[in-house]
N, C-alpha and C. Protein backbone atom coordinates (compact mmCIF):
# COMPACT_ATOMS: atom_id res chain seq x y z
N MET A 1 0.85 -1.16 -0.03
CA MET A 1 -0.01 -0.01 -0.01
C MET A 1 0.89 1.30 -0.06
N VAL A 2 0.57 2.13 -0.89
CA VAL A 2 1.49 3.39 -1.01
C VAL A 2 0.57 4.61 -0.64
N ILE A 3 1.01 5.46 0.20
CA ILE A 3 0.17 6.47 0.50
C ILE A 3 0.94 7.83 -0.04
N GLU A 4 0.21 8.58 -0.79
CA GLU A 4 0.82 9.70 -1.48
C GLU A 4 0.40 11.09 -0.65
N TYR A 5 1.37 11.87 -0.56
CA TYR A 5 0.93 13.07 0.23
C TYR A 5 1.07 14.13 -0.73
N PRO A 6 0.25 15.25 -0.58
CA PRO A 6 0.37 16.37 -1.52
C PRO A 6 1.75 16.87 -1.40
N VAL A 7 2.11 17.59 -2.54
CA VAL A 7 3.58 18.12 -2.73
C VAL A 7 3.84 19.16 -1.63
N PHE A 8 3.06 19.97 -1.27
CA PHE A 8 3.43 20.99 -0.21
C PHE A 8 3.70 20.39 0.97
N TRP A 9 3.30 19.23 1.44
CA TRP A 9 3.74 18.55 2.64
C TRP A 9 5.20 18.09 2.63
N ALA A 10 5.78 17.99 1.33
CA ALA A 10 7.06 17.49 1.07
C ALA A 10 8.08 18.59 1.63
N HIS A 11 7.64 19.79 1.67
CA HIS A 11 8.49 20.89 2.07
C HIS A 11 8.29 21.31 3.45
N GLU A 12 8.72 20.37 4.32
CA GLU A 12 8.46 20.47 5.70
C GLU A 12 8.95 21.84 6.33
N GLY A 13 10.16 22.27 5.89
CA GLY A 13 10.74 23.52 6.37
C GLY A 13 9.92 24.74 6.10
N ILE A 14 9.32 24.79 5.06
CA ILE A 14 8.48 26.00 4.54
C ILE A 14 7.14 25.80 5.33
N MET A 15 6.58 24.66 5.48
CA MET A 15 5.37 24.63 6.26
C MET A 15 5.66 24.95 7.78
N LYS A 16 6.76 24.59 8.25
CA LYS A 16 6.97 24.90 9.63
C LYS A 16 7.00 26.57 9.86
N LYS A 17 7.78 27.27 8.89
CA LYS A 17 7.67 28.72 8.82
C LYS A 17 6.33 29.23 8.60
N ILE A 18 5.46 28.72 7.74
CA ILE A 18 4.15 29.22 7.56
C ILE A 18 3.36 29.06 8.91
N PHE A 19 3.52 27.88 9.50
CA PHE A 19 2.85 27.50 10.73
C PHE A 19 3.13 28.57 11.73
N ILE A 20 4.40 28.84 11.97
CA ILE A 20 4.91 29.79 13.01
C ILE A 20 4.31 31.26 12.77
N ILE A 21 4.44 31.62 11.54
CA ILE A 21 3.86 32.93 11.16
C ILE A 21 2.44 32.96 11.58
N CYS A 22 1.54 32.02 11.12
CA CYS A 22 0.09 32.00 11.33
C CYS A 22 -0.07 31.96 12.89
N ALA A 23 0.79 31.18 13.63
CA ALA A 23 0.54 31.03 15.01
C ALA A 23 0.75 32.44 15.66
N LEU A 24 1.80 33.14 15.36
CA LEU A 24 2.09 34.41 15.81
C LEU A 24 1.04 35.42 15.50
N LEU A 25 0.55 35.38 14.34
CA LEU A 25 -0.56 36.36 13.97
C LEU A 25 -1.76 36.11 14.76
N LEU A 26 -2.10 34.90 15.10
CA LEU A 26 -3.34 34.50 15.73
C LEU A 26 -3.18 34.85 17.28
N ALA A 27 -1.93 34.64 17.74
CA ALA A 27 -1.64 34.84 19.23
C ALA A 27 -1.55 36.32 19.47
N PHE A 28 -1.28 37.21 18.61
CA PHE A 28 -1.20 38.61 18.81
C PHE A 28 -1.95 39.52 17.85
N PRO A 29 -3.34 39.10 17.72
CA PRO A 29 -4.22 40.03 16.78
C PRO A 29 -4.31 41.54 17.15
N ALA A 30 -4.09 41.85 18.36
CA ALA A 30 -4.01 43.29 18.60
C ALA A 30 -2.86 44.05 18.08
N ALA A 31 -1.83 43.35 17.81
CA ALA A 31 -0.52 43.86 17.31
C ALA A 31 -0.69 44.32 15.81
N ALA A 32 -1.52 43.62 15.14
CA ALA A 32 -1.85 44.02 13.72
C ALA A 32 -2.58 45.32 13.61
N HIS A 33 -3.26 45.67 14.73
CA HIS A 33 -4.10 46.90 14.76
C HIS A 33 -3.60 47.90 15.71
N ALA A 34 -2.66 47.74 16.39
CA ALA A 34 -2.01 48.51 17.53
C ALA A 34 -1.57 49.65 16.91
N GLN A 35 -1.73 50.79 17.60
CA GLN A 35 -0.86 52.06 17.31
C GLN A 35 -1.15 52.68 15.97
N CYS A 36 -2.48 52.83 15.52
CA CYS A 36 -2.60 53.46 14.35
C CYS A 36 -3.49 54.72 14.64
N TYR A 37 -3.16 55.90 14.00
CA TYR A 37 -3.94 57.06 14.15
C TYR A 37 -4.24 57.67 12.91
N ALA A 38 -5.21 58.61 12.99
CA ALA A 38 -5.54 59.34 11.84
C ALA A 38 -5.84 60.71 12.20
N ASP A 39 -5.46 61.73 11.23
CA ASP A 39 -5.68 63.07 11.52
C ASP A 39 -6.78 63.40 10.54
N TYR A 40 -7.75 64.41 10.98
CA TYR A 40 -8.93 64.63 10.25
C TYR A 40 -9.36 66.13 10.47
N LYS A 41 -10.41 66.58 9.68
CA LYS A 41 -10.99 67.88 9.79
C LYS A 41 -12.57 67.56 10.04
N ALA A 42 -13.13 68.34 10.85
CA ALA A 42 -14.49 68.15 11.27
C ALA A 42 -15.20 69.50 11.50
N LYS A 43 -16.45 69.61 11.44
CA LYS A 43 -17.21 70.85 11.50
C LYS A 43 -18.54 70.69 12.37
N GLN A 44 -18.94 71.81 12.86
CA GLN A 44 -20.25 71.82 13.58
C GLN A 44 -20.95 73.03 12.91
N ASP A 45 -22.35 72.93 12.73
CA ASP A 45 -23.10 74.07 12.11
C ASP A 45 -23.69 74.81 13.29
N ASN A 46 -24.12 76.13 13.01
CA ASN A 46 -25.11 76.99 13.80
C ASN A 46 -24.58 77.03 15.27
N PRO A 47 -23.46 77.82 15.44
CA PRO A 47 -22.66 78.48 14.68
C PRO A 47 -21.53 77.63 13.99
N LEU A 48 -21.07 78.02 12.82
CA LEU A 48 -20.07 77.15 12.23
C LEU A 48 -18.86 77.05 13.08
N ARG A 49 -18.32 75.86 13.40
CA ARG A 49 -17.08 75.55 14.03
C ARG A 49 -16.30 74.67 13.16
N LEU A 50 -15.01 74.72 13.12
CA LEU A 50 -14.25 73.75 12.50
C LEU A 50 -13.08 73.39 13.45
N HIS A 51 -12.71 72.06 13.21
CA HIS A 51 -11.52 71.67 14.05
C HIS A 51 -10.71 70.69 13.33
N TYR A 52 -9.38 70.49 13.60
CA TYR A 52 -8.43 69.53 13.06
C TYR A 52 -8.06 68.81 14.33
N GLY A 53 -8.12 67.39 14.22
CA GLY A 53 -7.85 66.52 15.41
C GLY A 53 -7.10 65.24 14.98
N VAL A 54 -6.74 64.64 15.93
CA VAL A 54 -5.94 63.44 15.70
C VAL A 54 -6.68 62.40 16.77
N ALA A 55 -6.87 61.13 16.18
CA ALA A 55 -7.61 60.19 16.89
C ALA A 55 -6.84 58.75 16.73
N GLU A 56 -6.96 57.89 17.68
CA GLU A 56 -6.49 56.67 17.54
C GLU A 56 -7.52 55.75 16.98
N LEU A 57 -7.05 54.95 16.09
CA LEU A 57 -7.99 53.89 15.38
C LEU A 57 -8.01 52.61 16.06
N ARG A 58 -9.25 52.03 16.22
CA ARG A 58 -9.29 50.75 17.01
C ARG A 58 -9.60 49.49 16.00
N GLY A 59 -10.19 49.83 14.88
CA GLY A 59 -10.54 48.61 14.06
C GLY A 59 -9.72 48.31 12.92
N GLY A 60 -8.64 48.88 12.67
CA GLY A 60 -7.67 48.58 11.54
C GLY A 60 -6.98 50.01 11.16
N CYS A 61 -6.07 49.92 10.19
CA CYS A 61 -5.22 51.06 9.92
C CYS A 61 -5.37 51.41 8.45
N SER A 62 -6.48 51.86 8.21
CA SER A 62 -6.74 52.32 6.72
C SER A 62 -7.63 53.50 6.76
N ARG A 63 -7.67 54.14 5.53
CA ARG A 63 -8.54 55.36 5.48
C ARG A 63 -10.06 55.02 5.61
N GLY A 64 -10.44 53.89 5.13
CA GLY A 64 -11.70 53.43 5.29
C GLY A 64 -12.32 53.19 6.64
N THR A 65 -11.36 52.54 7.42
CA THR A 65 -11.65 52.26 8.75
C THR A 65 -11.65 53.71 9.55
N ALA A 66 -10.71 54.55 9.29
CA ALA A 66 -10.82 55.84 9.93
C ALA A 66 -12.05 56.61 9.63
N GLN A 67 -12.48 56.57 8.32
CA GLN A 67 -13.71 57.26 7.88
C GLN A 67 -14.90 56.83 8.74
N SER A 68 -15.06 55.38 8.76
CA SER A 68 -16.34 54.85 9.47
C SER A 68 -16.10 55.09 11.04
N GLU A 69 -15.02 54.94 11.52
CA GLU A 69 -14.91 55.03 13.09
C GLU A 69 -15.09 56.60 13.43
N LEU A 70 -14.49 57.45 12.72
CA LEU A 70 -14.52 58.87 12.97
C LEU A 70 -15.91 59.52 12.81
N GLN A 71 -16.52 59.09 11.78
CA GLN A 71 -18.01 59.45 11.45
C GLN A 71 -18.85 59.26 12.64
N GLN A 72 -18.77 58.07 13.19
CA GLN A 72 -19.57 57.59 14.28
C GLN A 72 -19.28 58.42 15.70
N ARG A 73 -17.83 58.40 15.99
CA ARG A 73 -17.48 59.05 17.13
C ARG A 73 -17.73 60.56 17.11
N LEU A 74 -17.59 61.26 16.03
CA LEU A 74 -17.69 62.78 16.07
C LEU A 74 -19.14 62.92 16.04
N ALA A 75 -19.99 62.24 15.29
CA ALA A 75 -21.52 62.45 15.37
C ALA A 75 -22.11 62.43 16.77
N ARG A 76 -21.52 61.52 17.59
CA ARG A 76 -22.14 61.37 18.85
C ARG A 76 -21.94 62.83 19.67
N GLN A 77 -20.92 63.57 19.19
CA GLN A 77 -20.61 64.85 19.96
C GLN A 77 -21.04 65.98 18.98
N GLY A 78 -21.96 65.72 17.98
CA GLY A 78 -22.49 66.73 17.14
C GLY A 78 -21.64 67.27 16.05
N TRP A 79 -20.56 66.61 15.81
CA TRP A 79 -19.63 67.05 14.82
C TRP A 79 -19.76 66.16 13.47
N THR A 80 -19.50 66.81 12.36
CA THR A 80 -19.47 66.16 11.04
C THR A 80 -18.17 65.84 10.50
N LEU A 81 -17.70 64.68 10.15
CA LEU A 81 -16.50 64.50 9.69
C LEU A 81 -16.32 65.11 8.09
N LEU A 82 -15.34 65.82 8.02
CA LEU A 82 -15.18 66.48 6.60
C LEU A 82 -14.15 65.66 5.81
N GLN A 83 -13.11 65.40 6.39
CA GLN A 83 -12.00 64.71 5.67
C GLN A 83 -11.00 64.03 6.65
N VAL A 84 -10.71 62.83 6.09
CA VAL A 84 -9.58 62.10 6.88
C VAL A 84 -8.24 62.55 6.02
N MET A 85 -7.37 63.16 6.70
CA MET A 85 -6.24 63.62 6.18
C MET A 85 -5.15 62.55 5.85
N SER A 86 -4.89 61.69 6.77
CA SER A 86 -4.00 60.63 6.64
C SER A 86 -4.12 59.68 7.78
N VAL A 87 -3.53 58.51 7.55
CA VAL A 87 -3.37 57.49 8.53
C VAL A 87 -1.97 57.18 8.86
N PHE A 88 -1.65 56.99 10.02
CA PHE A 88 -0.14 56.83 10.39
C PHE A 88 0.10 56.10 11.75
N GLY A 89 1.25 55.79 12.02
CA GLY A 89 1.63 55.21 13.16
C GLY A 89 2.08 56.09 14.27
N PRO A 90 2.63 55.65 15.37
CA PRO A 90 2.95 56.54 16.45
C PRO A 90 4.13 57.48 16.16
N GLU A 91 4.85 57.24 15.03
CA GLU A 91 5.97 58.06 14.78
C GLU A 91 5.39 59.40 14.27
N GLY A 92 4.12 59.50 13.79
CA GLY A 92 3.61 60.72 13.42
C GLY A 92 2.83 61.69 14.31
N LEU A 93 2.81 61.14 15.77
CA LEU A 93 2.05 61.87 16.70
C LEU A 93 2.50 63.18 17.12
N ASP A 94 4.02 63.13 17.35
CA ASP A 94 4.53 64.49 18.00
C ASP A 94 4.33 65.57 16.96
N GLN A 95 4.48 65.37 15.85
CA GLN A 95 4.56 66.47 14.83
C GLN A 95 3.01 67.00 14.62
N ARG A 96 2.07 66.35 15.04
CA ARG A 96 0.66 66.84 14.94
C ARG A 96 0.04 67.23 16.29
N LYS A 97 0.73 67.03 17.41
CA LYS A 97 0.09 67.46 18.69
C LYS A 97 -0.18 68.75 18.74
N ASN A 98 0.71 69.71 18.48
CA ASN A 98 0.36 71.13 18.61
C ASN A 98 -0.71 71.64 17.84
N SER A 99 -0.76 71.16 16.59
CA SER A 99 -1.87 71.49 15.52
C SER A 99 -3.16 71.05 15.98
N ALA A 100 -3.22 69.96 16.57
CA ALA A 100 -4.61 69.39 16.98
C ALA A 100 -5.08 70.06 18.21
N GLY A 101 -4.22 70.50 19.05
CA GLY A 101 -4.70 71.21 20.28
C GLY A 101 -5.51 70.39 21.16
N GLN A 102 -6.62 70.87 21.51
CA GLN A 102 -7.62 70.20 22.38
C GLN A 102 -8.17 68.92 21.81
N PHE A 103 -8.07 68.77 20.41
CA PHE A 103 -8.65 67.62 19.71
C PHE A 103 -7.73 66.55 19.48
N TYR A 104 -6.47 66.64 20.15
CA TYR A 104 -5.45 65.66 20.26
C TYR A 104 -5.86 64.39 20.97
N LEU A 105 -6.15 63.32 20.30
CA LEU A 105 -6.67 62.08 20.95
C LEU A 105 -7.99 62.26 21.76
N ARG A 106 -8.71 63.24 21.34
CA ARG A 106 -10.03 63.52 22.06
C ARG A 106 -11.15 62.47 21.61
N TYR A 107 -11.11 62.19 20.30
CA TYR A 107 -12.33 61.34 19.86
C TYR A 107 -11.77 60.00 19.35
């Protein structure tokens, strides 16, 4: 009796590396989303108020995630998101802190 294994099982070294990478990704899911921020512009009407802010993202590190997260967070406080300027890591926080003022990591 001959048992044949699929070709990819023959490459045991490669499979071990793939397994280790998958295990690490599953063990540390927060690391994939950790420390992601977006800067944005928002407004309120009657009277018109504008602000520039920086917020930490919780659901992922993309403009789409930033757009949906910030729309909801800002709307709860009566603000309308106008634009997501950029999405960045912790290395971009210091350069934006003064510009964001009271809206630095507020929402």
